[in-house]
C-alpha cells in the first residue's frame, strides 16, 4: 500500500505537532552518535578513504539537519539551549566540509583543464545542462590558441594541485584538531543528551508546526523571486561573466543571492523532513532535488572560478600559465551561468505545477 505523505503546508491536513519535531531531533542526534562511533572505530581521522570519510560525512549531515531544524522551529525550543548549540553545530559542519571541498575543487579544475586543452574528450553534459539552448561549459579555443592553452595547462594544473593540496592538508589538520578538541566533545555531549531528551518550550508539544514550515517556504520563495530568473532563463546571457576580469579578489557579489537561495532551499528541505521523512508529493517538493543539484553546481563552479582566479594572481607565473588559468576561470563562470539556467528550468516547472 502506498504511503500517505503529510503536507505541512496544506491547511486541510492534520496538524503536525511539536512531538514530531522532538522525534526528528532525537533521530538525528542518534545518527550523529552512530557516526561518531564509526569515526572512532575507523581510526579517528577526519577524512581519507573508507569508513572515516563516511563517518565525517554522516557527522556533517546530522549536524546540518539539527542546526537547520533549530533555526526553522526556534520558537518551539528552549531558547538559551538552542542559541548556545546552533553556532557550535555550524562550526562543526563547516570545519568538516573544508577538506572535501578542497579535494572536489581540485578534481573539478583538473578535469576542466584536461577538457579545455583537448587532452580528453568532452564529457557528456549533465541532464540539467542539456535542455535546448542551455548554457554549457566554455567552448575550447580554436586550434591556433589551443597550443598556448596546452602549454600552460600542465603548469596551471601543477600550480592548482600545489595550492589546493596545501589547502586540503591544512583543512585536514584543522578537522583533526577540531574532532579532538574539548569544544567538539562538549557538542557531542549535548547531542548525546538530545538523543533522549529534547528541550522543547513548554507549549511546544501541542503546537502545530505548519506555520513555521510555511514561513520557511515563504522565505525561500521570496528569495527566489528576487533572483534575475528572467535573465537566467536565457542561455548565454553572460551575466555570470560580469566583472570576470576585475582585479578585485573578493567573491562575485552577484553570486551571493544564489548562495542564499541554496541555503534557504536546504532549510526548507530539512523542514519537510520533520513531518514527512520520506518526502511528499507537493509540486514545490518535487522540484527541490533538481533545484538543489543546480544550486550545488552553482556553488561548486563559482568557488572553482575563484580558485582559478586566485592561482592566476600568483607572482611571476609564465604568460602561458596565466592564459590557461584565465580560460579556466571563464569556463567555470560559464558553468555558473549554466547552473543558473538549470535552476530556472527546475523552478519554472514548479511554478507551472502550482499555477
Protein backbone atom coordinates (compact mmCIF):
# COMPACT_ATOMS: atom_id res chain seq x y z
CA UNK A 1 0.00 0.00 0.00
CA UNK A 2 1.35 3.40 -0.93
CA UNK A 3 2.49 5.53 2.00
CA UNK A 4 0.44 8.66 2.59
CA UNK A 5 2.71 11.69 2.89
CA UNK A 6 1.92 14.61 5.15
CA UNK A 7 1.95 18.09 3.68
CA UNK A 8 2.52 20.62 6.46
CA UNK A 9 1.62 23.49 4.15
CA UNK A 10 -1.85 22.09 3.41
CA UNK A 11 -4.39 23.84 5.69
CA UNK A 12 -6.77 20.89 5.39
CA UNK A 13 -4.16 18.37 6.56
CA UNK A 14 -3.96 17.08 10.10
CA UNK A 15 -1.87 19.36 12.36
CA UNK A 16 1.77 18.38 12.77
CA UNK A 17 2.51 18.78 16.46
CA UNK A 18 5.73 19.55 18.29
CA UNK A 19 6.27 15.95 19.29
CA UNK A 20 7.13 15.25 15.61
CA UNK A 21 9.96 17.76 15.94
CA UNK A 22 11.15 16.03 19.10
CA UNK A 23 11.20 12.65 17.33
CA UNK A 24 13.11 14.13 14.40
CA UNK A 25 15.75 15.77 16.58
CA UNK A 26 16.19 12.59 18.61
CA UNK A 27 16.67 10.56 15.44
CA UNK A 28 19.24 12.99 14.05
CA UNK A 29 21.12 13.08 17.34
CA UNK A 30 21.17 9.28 17.31
CA UNK A 31 22.55 9.35 13.75
CA UNK A 32 25.25 11.76 14.93
CA UNK A 33 26.27 9.44 17.76
CA UNK A 34 26.31 6.46 15.40
CA UNK A 35 28.58 8.38 13.01
CA UNK A 36 30.82 9.39 15.90
CA UNK A 37 31.18 5.75 16.94
CA UNK A 38 32.08 4.82 13.33
CA UNK A 39 34.57 7.66 13.23
CA UNK A 40 36.32 6.35 16.35
CA UNK A 41 36.27 2.75 15.11
CA UNK A 42 37.95 3.72 11.83
CA UNK A 43 40.91 5.38 13.45
CA UNK A 44 39.62 8.83 14.31
CA UNK A 45 40.75 10.53 11.09
CA UNK A 46 38.71 13.38 9.64
CA UNK A 47 38.94 12.31 6.03
CA UNK A 48 40.55 9.66 3.87
CA UNK A 49 39.10 6.55 2.32
CA UNK A 50 36.53 4.15 3.61
CA UNK A 51 34.69 4.41 6.87
CA UNK A 52 36.41 7.55 8.17
CA UNK A 53 35.24 9.64 5.22
CA UNK A 54 31.76 8.12 5.50
CA UNK A 55 31.71 8.96 9.21
CA UNK A 56 32.77 12.56 8.62
CA UNK A 57 30.04 12.95 6.01
CA UNK A 58 27.43 11.48 8.37
CA UNK A 59 28.54 13.79 11.18
CA UNK A 60 28.17 16.80 8.88
CA UNK A 61 24.79 15.61 7.62
CA UNK A 62 23.31 15.20 11.08
CA UNK A 63 24.82 18.43 12.38
CA UNK A 64 23.34 20.38 9.44
CA UNK A 65 19.89 18.88 9.92
CA UNK A 66 19.82 19.54 13.64
CA UNK A 67 21.08 23.09 13.15
CA UNK A 68 18.56 23.73 10.37
CA UNK A 69 15.68 22.44 12.48
CA UNK A 70 16.74 24.59 15.41
CA UNK A 71 16.67 27.60 13.08
CA UNK A 72 13.29 26.88 11.48
CA UNK A 73 11.49 25.80 14.65
CA UNK A 74 13.32 28.10 17.05
CA UNK A 75 10.14 29.32 18.87
CA UNK A 76 9.34 25.75 19.90
CA UNK A 77 12.67 25.08 21.62
CA UNK A 78 14.34 26.26 24.78
CA UNK A 79 15.89 29.50 23.52
CA UNK A 80 19.02 29.50 25.70
CA UNK A 81 19.91 25.93 24.75
CA UNK A 82 19.16 26.49 21.07
CA UNK A 83 21.20 29.69 20.79
CA UNK A 84 24.11 28.00 22.52
CA UNK A 85 24.33 24.89 20.35
CA UNK A 86 23.43 26.25 16.90
CA UNK A 87 26.72 28.15 16.36
CA UNK A 88 28.64 25.10 17.54
CA UNK A 89 26.90 22.86 15.01
CA UNK A 90 27.62 25.38 12.26
CA UNK A 91 31.28 25.47 13.29
CA UNK A 92 31.49 21.68 13.25
CA UNK A 93 29.78 21.09 9.90
CA UNK A 94 31.75 23.91 8.28
CA UNK A 95 35.08 22.63 9.59
CA UNK A 96 34.40 19.07 8.45
CA UNK A 97 33.36 20.26 4.98
CA UNK A 98 36.60 22.10 4.16
CA UNK A 99 38.78 19.11 3.28
CA UNK A 100 36.20 17.56 0.98
CA UNK A 101 35.60 20.95 -0.66
CA UNK A 102 39.31 21.36 -1.46
CA UNK A 103 39.52 17.86 -2.93
CA UNK A 104 36.37 18.29 -5.03
CA UNK A 105 37.50 21.72 -6.25
CA UNK A 106 40.86 20.36 -7.39
CA UNK A 107 39.23 17.44 -9.20
CA UNK A 108 36.81 19.79 -10.93
CA UNK A 109 39.52 22.18 -12.08
CA UNK A 110 41.91 19.48 -13.30
CA UNK A 111 39.13 17.78 -15.29
CA UNK A 112 38.20 21.12 -16.83
CA UNK A 113 41.84 21.80 -17.76
CA UNK A 114 42.10 18.40 -19.47
CA UNK A 115 38.87 19.02 -21.32
CA UNK A 116 39.81 22.52 -22.43
CA UNK A 117 43.28 21.50 -23.58
CA UNK A 118 41.90 18.63 -25.62
CA UNK A 119 43.65 16.00 -23.52
CA UNK A 120 40.38 14.11 -23.03
CA UNK A 121 37.12 14.03 -24.98
CA UNK A 122 34.43 16.43 -23.87
CA UNK A 123 32.36 14.68 -21.20
CA UNK A 124 28.65 14.33 -21.70
CA UNK A 125 26.85 17.25 -20.16
CA UNK A 126 24.52 16.61 -17.29
CA UNK A 127 20.82 16.34 -18.00
CA UNK A 128 20.32 19.69 -16.29
CA UNK A 129 22.60 21.38 -18.84
CA UNK A 130 21.33 19.65 -21.96
CA UNK A 131 17.98 21.39 -22.17
CA UNK A 132 17.52 23.10 -25.55
CA UNK A 133 19.68 26.19 -25.59
CA UNK A 134 21.19 25.51 -22.16
CA UNK A 135 24.44 27.23 -21.39
CA UNK A 136 27.26 24.72 -21.10
CA UNK A 137 30.99 24.84 -20.47
CA UNK A 138 33.05 27.31 -22.43
CA UNK A 139 33.85 26.14 -25.97
CA UNK A 140 37.52 25.11 -26.34
CA UNK A 141 39.64 27.72 -28.11
CA UNK A 142 40.43 27.48 -31.83
CA UNK A 143 43.40 25.42 -32.94
CA UNK A 144 45.66 28.45 -33.09
CA UNK A 145 45.09 29.19 -29.42
CA UNK A 146 44.90 25.55 -28.34
CA UNK A 147 48.71 25.31 -28.39
CA UNK A 148 49.11 28.15 -25.90
CA UNK A 149 46.47 26.63 -23.67
CA UNK A 150 48.07 23.17 -23.81
CA UNK A 151 51.50 24.58 -22.99
CA UNK A 152 50.17 26.43 -19.96
CA UNK A 153 47.63 23.81 -18.89
CA UNK A 154 50.21 21.45 -17.39
CA UNK A 155 51.83 24.22 -15.37
CA UNK A 156 48.45 25.62 -14.40
CA UNK A 157 47.37 22.17 -13.23
CA UNK A 158 50.57 21.75 -11.22
CA UNK A 159 50.08 25.17 -9.62
CA UNK A 160 46.47 24.42 -8.71
CA UNK A 161 47.40 21.00 -7.37
CA UNK A 162 50.11 22.51 -5.21
CA UNK A 163 47.87 25.26 -3.82
CA UNK A 164 44.75 23.17 -3.26
CA UNK A 165 46.64 20.18 -1.87
CA UNK A 166 48.21 22.51 0.66
CA UNK A 167 44.77 23.91 1.48
CA UNK A 168 43.40 20.38 1.82
CA UNK A 169 46.24 19.36 4.13
CA UNK A 170 45.58 22.37 6.33
CA UNK A 171 41.84 21.63 6.34
CA UNK A 172 42.57 18.02 7.30
CA UNK A 173 44.74 19.15 10.21
CA UNK A 174 42.11 21.65 11.29
CA UNK A 175 39.41 18.97 11.23
CA UNK A 176 41.57 16.57 13.25
CA UNK A 177 42.22 19.26 15.83
CA UNK A 178 38.52 20.10 15.95
CA UNK A 179 37.45 16.49 16.46
CA UNK A 180 39.91 16.10 19.31
CA UNK A 181 39.05 19.38 20.99
CA UNK A 182 37.12 20.00 24.16
CA UNK A 183 34.78 22.16 22.06
CA UNK A 184 33.78 19.16 19.94
CA UNK A 185 33.38 16.91 22.98
CA UNK A 186 31.04 19.50 24.51
CA UNK A 187 28.92 19.41 21.33
CA UNK A 188 28.91 15.60 21.35
CA UNK A 189 27.83 15.57 24.99
CA UNK A 190 24.92 17.90 24.25
CA UNK A 191 23.80 15.74 21.34
CA UNK A 192 24.04 12.61 23.48
CA UNK A 193 21.54 14.24 25.83
CA UNK A 194 19.42 15.37 22.85
CA UNK A 195 19.10 11.76 21.69
CA UNK A 196 16.88 11.10 24.70
CA UNK A 197 15.72 14.50 25.93
CA UNK A 198 14.69 17.32 23.57
CA UNK A 199 14.44 20.70 25.35
CA UNK A 200 11.14 21.83 23.90
CA UNK A 201 9.42 25.00 25.06
CA UNK A 202 6.54 24.32 27.50
CA UNK A 203 3.73 24.69 24.95
CA UNK A 204 5.57 23.10 22.00
CA UNK A 205 4.17 19.57 22.22
CA UNK A 206 0.67 20.70 21.27
CA UNK A 207 1.73 23.43 18.83
CA UNK A 208 1.18 22.98 15.10
CA UNK A 209 4.45 23.08 13.12
CA UNK A 210 2.81 24.12 9.86
CA UNK A 211 3.01 27.92 10.32
CA UNK A 212 6.76 27.68 10.88
CA UNK A 213 7.15 25.37 7.88
CA UNK A 214 5.10 27.85 5.84
CA UNK A 215 7.45 30.61 6.95
CA UNK A 216 10.45 28.62 5.71
CA UNK A 217 8.72 28.14 2.37
CA UNK A 218 7.90 31.84 2.12
CA UNK A 219 11.48 32.86 2.86
CA UNK A 220 12.59 30.58 0.05
CA UNK A 221 10.04 31.76 -2.50
CA UNK A 222 10.72 35.42 -1.65
CA UNK A 223 14.45 34.91 -2.15
CA UNK A 224 13.86 33.15 -5.48
CA UNK A 225 11.53 35.96 -6.58
CA UNK A 226 14.39 38.40 -6.04
CA UNK A 227 16.69 36.45 -8.39
CA UNK A 228 17.02 37.55 -12.03
CA UNK A 229 15.22 34.44 -13.28
CA UNK A 230 14.11 36.15 -16.47
CA UNK A 231 17.76 36.68 -17.36
CA UNK A 232 18.74 33.21 -16.15
CA UNK A 233 16.08 31.80 -18.46
CA UNK A 234 18.09 32.93 -21.49
CA UNK A 235 21.19 30.81 -22.09
CA UNK A 236 24.50 32.54 -22.80
CA UNK A 237 23.35 35.79 -21.26
CA UNK A 238 26.90 36.19 -19.86
CA UNK A 239 25.67 37.73 -16.61
CA UNK A 240 27.85 35.29 -14.72
CA UNK A 241 30.89 36.74 -16.52
CA UNK A 242 30.26 40.33 -15.42
CA UNK A 243 33.39 41.66 -13.71
CA UNK A 244 35.13 38.41 -14.65
CA UNK A 245 38.35 40.30 -15.40
CA UNK A 246 38.16 42.55 -12.36
CA UNK A 247 41.35 42.68 -10.25
CA UNK A 248 39.19 42.63 -7.14
CA UNK A 249 39.86 39.28 -5.36
CA UNK A 250 36.55 39.43 -3.47
CA UNK A 251 33.88 36.85 -4.41
CA UNK A 252 31.36 37.82 -7.06
CA UNK A 253 28.72 39.92 -5.35
CA UNK A 254 26.12 38.65 -7.80
CA UNK A 255 26.67 35.07 -6.56
CA UNK A 256 25.60 35.85 -3.00
CA UNK A 257 21.81 35.84 -3.62
CA UNK A 258 22.07 32.45 -5.33
CA UNK A 259 24.08 31.05 -2.42
CA UNK A 260 21.42 32.39 -0.06
CA UNK A 261 18.67 30.64 -2.04
CA UNK A 262 20.69 27.43 -1.82
CA UNK A 263 20.80 27.77 1.98
CA UNK A 264 17.08 28.54 2.22
CA UNK A 265 16.24 25.61 -0.08
CA UNK A 266 18.23 23.31 2.17
CA UNK A 267 16.48 24.66 5.29
CA UNK A 268 13.10 24.13 3.64
CA UNK A 269 14.04 20.57 2.64
CA UNK A 270 15.05 19.79 6.22
CA UNK A 271 11.81 21.33 7.49
CA UNK A 272 9.84 18.99 5.22
CA UNK A 273 11.68 16.01 6.67
CA UNK A 274 10.27 16.63 10.15
CA UNK A 275 6.66 15.55 9.43
CA UNK A 276 7.42 13.61 6.24
CA UNK A 277 10.84 11.96 6.40
CA UNK A 278 10.22 10.10 3.13
CA UNK A 279 9.20 13.21 1.20
CA UNK A 280 5.83 14.25 -0.15
CA UNK A 281 4.18 14.83 -3.50
CA UNK A 282 3.55 18.59 -3.45
CA UNK A 283 4.76 20.42 -6.59
CA UNK A 284 7.34 22.53 -4.74
CA UNK A 285 8.80 19.49 -3.02
CA UNK A 286 9.11 17.67 -6.33
CA UNK A 287 11.29 20.46 -7.74
CA UNK A 288 13.62 20.56 -4.71
CA UNK A 289 16.09 17.80 -5.77
CA UNK A 290 16.70 19.23 -9.26
CA UNK A 291 16.86 22.80 -7.96
CA UNK A 292 19.21 21.74 -5.18
CA UNK A 293 21.55 19.99 -7.61
CA UNK A 294 21.65 23.10 -9.80
CA UNK A 295 22.48 25.33 -6.85
CA UNK A 296 25.17 22.93 -5.63
CA UNK A 297 26.66 23.05 -9.10
CA UNK A 298 26.45 26.85 -8.98
CA UNK A 299 28.32 26.94 -5.67
CA UNK A 300 30.99 24.49 -6.86
CA UNK A 301 31.60 26.34 -10.12
CA UNK A 302 31.75 29.78 -8.51
CA UNK A 303 34.25 28.57 -5.90
CA UNK A 304 36.32 26.81 -8.56
CA UNK A 305 36.39 30.00 -10.63
CA UNK A 306 37.58 31.91 -7.57
CA UNK A 307 40.35 29.34 -7.03
CA UNK A 308 41.47 29.70 -10.66
CA UNK A 309 41.49 33.48 -10.33
CA UNK A 310 43.47 33.25 -7.09
CA UNK A 311 46.04 30.99 -8.77
CA UNK A 312 46.33 33.45 -11.66
CA UNK A 313 47.40 36.13 -9.16
CA UNK A 314 50.46 34.09 -8.17
CA UNK A 315 53.53 36.31 -8.72
CA UNK A 316 55.92 35.60 -11.60
CA UNK A 317 53.96 32.86 -13.35
CA UNK A 318 54.55 32.33 -17.05
CA UNK A 319 52.19 34.05 -19.51
CA UNK A 320 51.02 30.69 -20.89
CA UNK A 321 50.13 29.56 -17.36
CA UNK A 322 48.22 32.76 -16.69
CA UNK A 323 46.42 32.36 -20.02
CA UNK A 324 45.36 28.79 -19.19
CA UNK A 325 44.10 29.90 -15.78
CA UNK A 326 42.16 32.75 -17.42
CA UNK A 327 40.45 30.32 -19.81
CA UNK A 328 39.74 28.01 -16.88
CA UNK A 329 38.22 30.87 -14.89
CA UNK A 330 35.96 31.80 -17.82
CA UNK A 331 34.96 28.16 -18.25
CA UNK A 332 33.86 27.90 -14.63
CA UNK A 333 31.96 31.18 -14.80
CA UNK A 334 30.12 29.75 -17.83
CA UNK A 335 29.32 26.76 -15.61
CA UNK A 336 27.87 29.22 -13.10
CA UNK A 337 25.64 30.59 -15.84
CA UNK A 338 24.62 27.08 -16.90
CA UNK A 339 23.72 26.21 -13.30
CA UNK A 340 21.53 29.32 -13.05
CA UNK A 341 19.75 28.29 -16.23
CA UNK A 342 19.24 24.76 -14.86
CA UNK A 343 17.81 26.16 -11.63
CA UNK A 344 15.48 28.45 -13.56
CA UNK A 345 14.22 25.45 -15.56
CA UNK A 346 13.60 23.40 -12.41
CA UNK A 347 11.87 26.24 -10.63
CA UNK A 348 9.75 27.08 -13.68
CA UNK A 349 8.37 23.53 -13.61
CA UNK A 350 7.31 24.13 -10.01
CA UNK A 351 5.69 27.43 -10.92
CA UNK A 352 3.72 25.84 -13.75
CA UNK A 353 2.71 22.98 -11.48
CA UNK A 354 1.22 25.29 -8.87
CA UNK A 355 -0.41 27.84 -11.19
